[in-house]
Structure formats: structure tokens, C-alpha cells
Protein backbone atom coordinates (compact mmCIF):
# COMPACT_ATOMS: atom_id res chain seq x y z
CA UNK A 1 104.33 -11.47 42.30
CA UNK A 2 104.79 -10.33 39.22
CA UNK A 3 103.20 -12.43 36.64
CA UNK A 4 104.01 -11.41 32.66
CA UNK A 5 101.44 -12.06 29.75
CA UNK A 6 103.55 -14.65 27.93
CA UNK A 7 103.20 -16.34 31.90
CA UNK A 8 99.46 -15.96 31.73
CA UNK A 9 98.98 -17.08 28.18
CA UNK A 10 100.66 -20.26 28.84
CA UNK A 11 98.68 -21.31 31.36
CA UNK A 12 95.57 -20.67 29.49
CA UNK A 13 97.17 -22.35 26.51
CA UNK A 14 97.56 -25.58 28.18
CA UNK A 15 94.39 -25.10 30.17
CA UNK A 16 92.88 -25.14 27.07
CA UNK A 17 95.03 -27.88 25.53
CA UNK A 18 93.40 -30.29 28.82
CA UNK A 19 89.92 -29.06 27.74
CA UNK A 20 90.26 -29.81 24.15
CA UNK A 21 91.16 -33.29 25.31
CA UNK A 22 88.36 -33.51 27.10
CA UNK A 23 85.84 -32.93 25.11
CA UNK A 24 86.96 -34.48 22.02
CA UNK A 25 87.20 -37.67 23.85
CA UNK A 26 83.72 -37.27 25.52
CA UNK A 27 82.26 -36.03 22.27
CA UNK A 28 83.73 -39.67 20.21
CA UNK A 29 82.10 -42.77 20.91
CA UNK A 30 83.16 -44.77 23.53
CA UNK A 31 84.08 -47.95 22.57
CA UNK A 32 85.88 -50.06 25.47
CA UNK A 33 88.28 -48.15 27.77
CA UNK A 34 91.26 -50.42 26.09
CA UNK A 35 90.16 -49.77 22.28
CA UNK A 36 89.98 -45.91 23.11
CA UNK A 37 93.36 -46.46 24.62
CA UNK A 38 94.67 -48.17 21.61
CA UNK A 39 93.56 -45.69 19.04
CA UNK A 40 94.69 -42.51 21.29
CA UNK A 41 98.18 -44.33 21.69
CA UNK A 42 98.10 -45.21 17.97
CA UNK A 43 97.25 -41.68 17.13
CA UNK A 44 100.04 -40.76 19.48
CA UNK A 45 102.87 -42.47 17.91
CA UNK A 46 102.05 -41.11 14.41
CA UNK A 47 102.91 -37.83 15.24
CA UNK A 48 106.55 -38.58 17.18
CA UNK A 49 109.87 -38.11 15.85
CA UNK A 50 111.66 -41.61 15.75
CA UNK A 51 114.08 -39.75 18.62
CA UNK A 52 110.99 -39.22 20.73
CA UNK A 53 109.67 -42.49 19.70
CA UNK A 54 113.14 -44.65 21.05
CA UNK A 55 112.38 -42.51 24.16
CA UNK A 56 108.71 -43.24 25.00
CA UNK A 57 108.37 -46.73 23.60
CA UNK A 58 110.16 -49.73 25.64
CA UNK A 59 109.19 -53.33 25.72
CA UNK A 60 106.76 -54.78 27.87
CA UNK A 61 109.40 -56.53 29.72
CA UNK A 62 111.42 -53.82 30.49
CA UNK A 63 112.28 -53.17 34.46
CA UNK A 64 111.04 -49.71 34.19
CA UNK A 65 107.18 -50.59 33.29
CA UNK A 66 107.00 -51.26 37.11
CA UNK A 67 108.72 -48.31 38.60
CA UNK A 68 106.23 -45.58 39.77
CA UNK A 69 106.46 -42.82 42.15
CA UNK A 70 104.45 -39.51 42.58
CA UNK A 71 107.64 -37.49 44.39
CA UNK A 72 109.67 -34.32 42.08
CA UNK A 73 112.39 -35.96 40.72
CA UNK A 74 115.06 -34.99 38.04
CA UNK A 75 114.54 -37.90 35.86
CA UNK A 76 111.82 -40.21 34.88
CA UNK A 77 111.04 -42.63 31.87
CA UNK A 78 109.03 -41.37 28.58
CA UNK A 79 108.70 -38.09 27.00
CA UNK A 80 107.50 -34.97 28.99
CA UNK A 81 104.69 -33.11 27.97
CA UNK A 82 106.92 -29.95 27.62
CA UNK A 83 109.29 -31.71 24.86
CA UNK A 84 106.41 -32.15 22.91
CA UNK A 85 104.61 -29.88 19.81
CA UNK A 86 101.07 -28.78 20.32
CA UNK A 87 99.88 -32.18 18.49
CA UNK A 88 101.57 -34.10 20.24
CA UNK A 89 100.58 -32.43 23.79
CA UNK A 90 97.21 -32.54 22.91
CA UNK A 91 96.90 -36.03 21.50
CA UNK A 92 99.15 -37.46 24.90
CA UNK A 93 96.15 -35.35 26.65
CA UNK A 94 93.79 -37.27 24.86
CA UNK A 95 95.20 -40.96 25.29
CA UNK A 96 95.18 -39.87 29.35
CA UNK A 97 91.47 -38.82 28.66
CA UNK A 98 91.22 -42.11 27.20
CA UNK A 99 92.27 -44.11 30.07
CA UNK A 100 90.20 -41.95 32.70
CA UNK A 101 86.54 -40.95 33.61
CA UNK A 102 85.47 -37.88 33.32
CA UNK A 103 86.16 -37.29 37.15
CA UNK A 104 89.48 -39.04 37.18
CA UNK A 105 91.16 -36.74 34.24
CA UNK A 106 89.72 -33.79 36.30
CA UNK A 107 91.41 -34.43 39.02
CA UNK A 108 94.69 -35.23 36.72
CA UNK A 109 94.44 -31.90 35.39
CA UNK A 110 93.91 -30.05 37.97
CA UNK A 111 97.00 -31.70 39.62
CA UNK A 112 99.28 -30.82 36.40
CA UNK A 113 98.23 -27.13 36.78
CA UNK A 114 98.55 -26.83 40.23
CA UNK A 115 102.19 -26.99 39.93
CA UNK A 116 101.39 -23.25 38.56
CA UNK A 117 100.31 -22.44 41.70
CA UNK A 118 103.32 -24.04 43.78
CA UNK A 119 105.67 -22.23 41.74
CA UNK A 120 104.33 -18.94 42.52
CA UNK A 121 103.54 -19.91 46.02
CA UNK A 122 107.66 -21.17 46.75
CA UNK A 123 109.21 -18.31 44.56
CA UNK A 124 112.37 -17.98 42.87
CA UNK A 125 114.04 -19.96 45.81
CA UNK A 126 112.18 -23.44 45.05
CA UNK A 127 114.12 -26.41 45.19
CA UNK A 128 111.81 -27.84 42.21
CA UNK A 129 111.00 -26.20 38.80
CA UNK A 130 107.80 -26.67 39.42
CA UNK A 131 106.90 -27.00 35.66
CA UNK A 132 102.91 -27.85 34.38
CA UNK A 133 104.61 -29.53 31.62
CA UNK A 134 106.85 -31.86 33.36
CA UNK A 135 104.64 -34.75 33.06
CA UNK A 136 105.79 -37.74 31.08
CA UNK A 137 104.37 -40.31 28.61
CA UNK A 138 105.43 -43.89 28.47
CA UNK A 139 104.58 -46.47 26.06
CA UNK A 140 105.21 -50.49 26.72
CA UNK A 141 105.05 -53.15 24.25
CA UNK A 142 102.16 -53.11 21.06
CA UNK A 143 99.89 -50.64 21.47
CA UNK A 144 99.28 -50.32 17.66
CA UNK A 145 98.54 -54.04 17.62
CA UNK A 146 95.07 -55.06 18.23
CA UNK A 147 95.94 -58.48 20.37
CA UNK A 148 99.22 -58.42 21.89
CA UNK A 149 99.92 -56.96 25.62
CA UNK A 150 101.26 -53.29 26.38
CA UNK A 151 100.80 -50.73 28.64
CA UNK A 152 100.77 -47.18 29.83
CA UNK A 153 102.25 -44.55 32.26
CA UNK A 154 101.52 -40.96 32.48
CA UNK A 155 103.55 -39.82 35.60
CA UNK A 156 105.10 -36.60 37.29
CA UNK A 157 104.50 -34.76 40.70
CA UNK A 158 101.77 -35.95 42.08
CA UNK A 159 100.20 -38.02 40.02
CA UNK A 160 101.21 -41.61 38.72
CA UNK A 161 98.73 -43.46 36.61
CA UNK A 162 99.61 -46.72 34.91
CA UNK A 163 98.01 -49.22 32.58
CA UNK A 164 98.09 -52.58 31.28
CA UNK A 165 95.95 -53.85 28.23
CA UNK A 166 95.04 -56.65 25.31
CA UNK A 167 92.95 -56.51 22.98
CA UNK A 168 89.55 -54.70 23.87
CA UNK A 169 90.27 -55.13 27.68
CA UNK A 170 92.23 -53.60 30.69
CA UNK A 171 94.20 -55.80 32.33
CA UNK A 172 95.17 -53.48 35.01
CA UNK A 173 94.95 -50.18 36.22
CA UNK A 174 96.73 -49.60 39.03
CA UNK A 175 98.68 -47.97 41.01
CA UNK A 176 96.36 -44.99 40.85
CA UNK A 177 97.63 -42.20 42.78
CA UNK A 178 96.38 -38.56 42.93
CA UNK A 179 97.79 -35.88 45.50
CA UNK A 180 97.05 -32.14 46.37
CA UNK A 181 99.55 -29.39 47.29
CA UNK A 182 97.26 -27.05 48.70
CA UNK A 183 94.85 -29.51 49.03
CA UNK A 184 92.48 -26.21 49.72
CA UNK A 185 94.22 -23.16 48.18
CA UNK A 186 94.12 -20.15 50.94
CA UNK A 187 95.61 -17.72 49.14
CA UNK A 188 94.78 -15.84 45.82
CA UNK A 189 97.61 -16.36 42.79
CA UNK A 190 96.69 -14.14 40.23
CA UNK A 191 97.89 -15.46 36.87
CA UNK A 192 97.56 -19.08 37.93
CA UNK A 193 94.42 -21.38 36.47
CA UNK A 194 93.42 -21.74 40.38
CA UNK A 195 91.24 -19.34 42.77
CA UNK A 196 91.35 -19.09 46.39
CA UNK A 197 89.10 -21.53 47.88
CA UNK A 198 89.87 -24.49 45.12
CA UNK A 199 90.03 -27.72 47.08
CA UNK A 200 91.51 -30.84 45.42
CA UNK A 201 90.35 -34.14 46.43
CA UNK A 202 87.73 -32.91 48.82
CA UNK A 203 85.07 -36.28 48.75
CA UNK A 204 88.14 -38.89 49.51
CA UNK A 205 88.58 -36.42 52.93
CA UNK A 206 85.31 -35.42 53.67
CA UNK A 207 83.83 -38.79 53.19
CA UNK A 208 86.40 -40.25 55.07
CA UNK A 209 85.82 -37.63 57.88
CA UNK A 210 81.56 -38.16 58.11
CA UNK A 211 82.56 -42.10 58.49
CA UNK A 212 85.11 -41.52 61.23
CA UNK A 213 82.99 -39.48 63.53
CA UNK A 214 79.31 -41.54 62.67
CA UNK A 215 81.37 -44.18 64.87
CA UNK A 216 80.37 -44.75 67.95
CA UNK A 217 83.22 -44.98 70.70
CA UNK A 218 82.69 -49.15 70.71
CA UNK A 219 83.73 -49.38 66.63
CA UNK A 220 86.31 -46.13 67.12
CA UNK A 221 87.79 -48.41 69.54
CA UNK A 222 88.20 -50.70 66.84
CA UNK A 223 88.80 -48.12 63.80
CA UNK A 224 91.36 -46.28 65.18
CA UNK A 225 94.68 -47.84 64.58
CA UNK A 226 97.14 -45.34 66.05
CA UNK A 227 96.53 -41.92 67.90
CA UNK A 228 99.30 -40.72 65.23
CA UNK A 229 98.64 -40.58 61.50
CA UNK A 230 101.34 -42.18 59.49
CA UNK A 231 103.85 -40.52 57.20
CA UNK A 232 102.92 -41.69 54.12
CA UNK A 233 101.34 -44.26 52.43
CA UNK A 234 103.02 -47.58 52.78
CA UNK A 235 104.83 -49.30 49.98
CA UNK A 236 104.62 -45.79 47.97
CA UNK A 237 106.99 -46.43 45.08
CA UNK A 238 107.17 -50.17 45.35
CA UNK A 239 105.90 -52.41 42.77
CA UNK A 240 103.58 -54.20 44.57
CA UNK A 241 101.01 -53.38 47.67
CA UNK A 242 101.85 -54.31 51.50
CA UNK A 243 100.14 -57.03 52.09
CA UNK A 244 100.14 -56.75 55.52
CA UNK A 245 96.54 -58.63 57.07
CA UNK A 246 93.82 -55.88 56.95
CA UNK A 247 93.50 -53.48 60.27
CA UNK A 248 90.76 -51.32 61.51
CA UNK A 249 86.60 -52.13 61.92
CA UNK A 250 85.14 -54.58 59.46
CA UNK A 251 82.07 -53.91 56.96
CA UNK A 252 79.76 -55.94 59.00
CA UNK A 253 80.15 -54.57 62.14
CA UNK A 254 79.02 -51.00 60.73
CA UNK A 255 75.60 -49.70 60.36
CA UNK A 256 73.75 -49.73 57.27
CA UNK A 257 74.02 -45.59 56.97
CA UNK A 258 77.94 -45.82 57.56
CA UNK A 259 77.90 -48.76 54.72
CA UNK A 260 76.57 -46.21 52.62
CA UNK A 261 79.18 -43.71 53.64
CA UNK A 262 81.99 -46.56 53.02
CA UNK A 263 80.60 -47.79 50.03
CA UNK A 264 80.83 -44.28 48.22
CA UNK A 265 84.41 -43.44 49.57
CA UNK A 266 85.56 -46.42 47.97
CA UNK A 267 83.10 -45.57 44.82
CA UNK A 268 85.15 -41.74 44.73
CA UNK A 269 88.27 -44.20 44.39
CA UNK A 270 87.19 -46.64 41.68
CA UNK A 271 85.23 -44.14 39.92
CA UNK A 272 88.58 -42.52 38.71
CA UNK A 273 88.23 -44.99 35.42
CA UNK A 274 86.21 -45.09 32.66
CA UNK A 275 82.97 -46.99 32.64
CA UNK A 276 83.75 -50.58 31.81
CA UNK A 277 86.94 -51.00 34.07
CA UNK A 278 84.90 -49.07 37.09
CA UNK A 279 82.40 -51.87 36.75
CA UNK A 280 85.46 -54.50 36.84
CA UNK A 281 86.92 -52.93 39.78
CA UNK A 282 83.26 -53.06 41.17
CA UNK A 283 82.53 -56.59 40.40
CA UNK A 284 86.12 -57.85 41.76
CA UNK A 285 84.85 -56.18 45.12
CA UNK A 286 81.72 -57.84 44.93
CA UNK A 287 82.46 -60.85 44.04
CA UNK A 288 85.58 -61.09 46.76
CA UNK A 289 82.59 -59.99 49.37
CA UNK A 290 82.05 -56.72 50.79
CA UNK A 291 82.06 -58.31 54.44
CA UNK A 292 85.96 -58.60 53.68
CA UNK A 293 86.57 -54.71 53.60
CA UNK A 294 87.48 -53.13 56.42
CA UNK A 295 88.09 -49.46 57.15
CA UNK A 296 91.18 -48.24 59.86
CA UNK A 297 92.24 -44.69 60.49
CA UNK A 298 94.78 -42.90 62.29
CA UNK A 299 95.36 -39.73 63.95
CA UNK A 300 93.47 -36.69 64.34
CA UNK A 301 89.48 -36.59 63.26
CA UNK A 302 89.15 -33.27 62.41
CA UNK A 303 90.63 -30.93 59.45
CA UNK A 304 94.10 -29.44 60.23
CA UNK A 305 96.04 -31.90 62.24
CA UNK A 306 97.38 -35.14 60.62
CA UNK A 307 95.52 -38.08 59.58
CA UNK A 308 95.38 -40.83 57.81
CA UNK A 309 92.92 -43.83 56.49
CA UNK A 310 92.82 -47.57 54.70
CA UNK A 311 90.47 -49.41 53.17
CA UNK A 312 91.48 -52.55 52.65
CA UNK A 313 90.08 -55.88 50.79
CA UNK A 314 90.79 -59.06 49.05
CA UNK A 315 90.74 -56.75 45.44
CA UNK A 316 92.07 -53.66 46.29
CA UNK A 317 93.74 -51.14 49.11
CA UNK A 318 93.10 -47.66 49.73
CA UNK A 319 95.23 -45.62 51.54
CA UNK A 320 95.18 -41.75 52.18
CA UNK A 321 97.24 -39.55 54.40
CA UNK A 322 97.25 -35.66 55.05
CA UNK A 323 100.05 -35.00 56.88
CA UNK A 324 102.43 -32.24 55.39
CA UNK A 325 102.00 -28.68 55.49
CA UNK A 326 101.07 -26.96 52.00
CA UNK A 327 103.46 -24.95 50.25
CA UNK A 328 102.55 -21.31 52.34
CA UNK A 329 103.18 -24.01 55.69
CA UNK A 330 99.19 -24.70 56.74
CA UNK A 331 99.75 -27.71 58.53
CA UNK A 332 97.76 -31.19 57.19
CA UNK A 333 97.20 -29.59 53.86
CA UNK A 334 98.73 -31.91 51.56
CA UNK A 335 97.05 -35.00 50.72
CA UNK A 336 98.52 -38.20 49.27
CA UNK A 337 95.99 -40.66 47.92
CA UNK A 338 96.27 -43.69 46.49
CA UNK A 339 94.65 -47.00 44.79
CA UNK A 340 96.15 -50.77 44.76
CA UNK A 341 95.41 -53.85 43.41
CA UNK A 342 95.48 -56.62 46.11
CA UNK A 343 95.81 -59.10 43.33
CA UNK A 344 99.31 -57.66 42.10
CA UNK A 345 99.42 -54.23 40.07
CA UNK A 346 100.99 -53.94 37.15
CA UNK A 347 99.44 -57.02 36.01
CA UNK A 348 101.58 -59.02 37.59
CA UNK A 349 100.82 -61.70 40.51
CA UNK A 350 101.42 -60.43 43.92
CA UNK A 351 103.95 -62.28 46.10
CA UNK A 352 103.16 -62.63 49.94
CA UNK A 353 105.90 -61.07 52.03
């Protein structure tokens, strides 16, 4: 593999932008997440050209608001980072940082920069460009107004983040999708921001293995719903999550030690949001009742072989799948995971199927 000075420099510059956005928001006084997001959105809008604004800012009722996906695509809604000036990129990343916790932003930035690794691993005959600046920002409604509803989508390969805000409140923050290919980087790829051994979405996987492997045989009879893993999360790209009855083992059938692992695993997903949104998510789970939460597993209970799990309660659905090989062909080293709102994604009421 050959790496030009320009290529290496571009990685460093973009990585610096990611870091600057994170530092700027972390150092600032945090208001509510919605207030921070609105302030960042207004700052971005002020930097856009009229042509960019016409592409990025859509009506809140535009049907593209509820269109989402994480697969590589030739066209997406919004304006990609690659078509922005450096100040616009920084403003866009500040907006993303305002919408996530430190942990959530770290995941998002690592996923974006992993595109550079994929570009090198897949080589010149790859199907997709693997551009680490091909992440799109779209705004909906009236982000400049303190009282009107507005939305944000930040999306590209392996990343889809969607928000609805009004006033000082984030009304909805799902679908929240993160993915990793490779989940564990098995090869040193010079000139890229990730080193050999870099692991993506580790807690989402290791805690789940800890939980399923702590179950007794009787518990596994309830928790393991299929010998083979699902090939993909359910409802990928659909406006609302699947509405099937929860499967697996109930929260009340777990030991106290197992409950701690399950709650920690749920926390990994919910804590990708800023503190006040995280608190709202956890309060909704508690209000609906932890006793109504179920954990289900399918597939192998060891790494390197396809595996899947879901955690479902009245207010949320988590799904995780690792069945695909990575870019080098290593089996089950490609994670997709999602958090969805069982009262309705995109601040829309859930319609029963």
C-alpha cells in the first residue's frame, strides 16, 4: 500500500477538526442539549451559502426527514462534509458534538475515520469510495426559532443519528445507529487514524457476551431464541421499529449480578446522548418498568461466529448483530447496533403492525 503526504495530511486535518469540535463543546458551558444544538445549528446556518442552505434546510414535514439508512449510498439528503469549507465542517461537527455525549461523539468520530481504513483495506477495485467526509448534515423546520419544532439528521455509512427538538427539549433522538467494520482491526494500516488492535463498539459486544454466558441452562432455554443469528437488525431503514411482542428472558428472571450487567449494557446505548437526554431515556425505562424488559439472544455465544441480541422494553428497543465478515474476510467482525423508541421514532406515534 502506498500513502502520499497529502493523504496522511488530510487524515490529520480531519482528525484535528473532530478533536476541535469536541473540545470546543466540552469546554463550553452546557445548557440543555436542545439549547446547545439550536445554538450550534444557527452557527452553521450563518456560514452556509444560499445554495447550500437550500439543500441542507428542509421543511419539517418533508418525507425525507424520516428516511434513514446506514448502508453506503450514492445519494443522501443534506450537504456532505466534503462539500463544506473548513469553518463549515467545524461548525457541523460542533453541531454533532452538541447532540451527543462525550462517549457518543467518540463513537461517531471513530466510525467516520474508519472509512479511511476501509478505503485502504478494500483497495482500488472497491465498490464504494469510502470517503471519510461523506457524512451528510440535514436540518428540518425552524432551528433559528426558540419555540418552533426542528430536526437534525447526521448520516453516512455506518452512522445514522436523528433528532427532534422544540424550545429547550429534545423530543426524540432515535433512530440512533452505530456500526463498525472491522469491529477489531486485525491489520496495521499505515497512514490511517486507527492502529492494529483498535476495537469499535466493544462494550456493546463484551457485556452482552458476559450476560448470555452467565445464564444457567434453564435461563438459556428462555433467552436464546434461535440457534442461528439474524442476518441483520430488524426494521433497518424503516420509519418505525418492529412492534413484535418482546422475546427472550424477562428482567425478573435474572439474578442480581445478571441484572447489573443488563442495566450496564442498556446504559451503553442510552448514554450516547447528552446528560439531560440520557436522564430522560432512563426515566422513561424506569417509569415503564424494568420488570417489563426482555433480553433475547440468537446464534453463537462466543466471538468470531455470528451472534445477535435484542433488549426490549415498553419505551425502547436495542438490537445488535455481528454476522458479516470484515473487509479482510475475518468472520463475524462487523457490528451493526441500534437504539429505537418504542413510543415512536422521529417524534411520531408508533403504529401497531
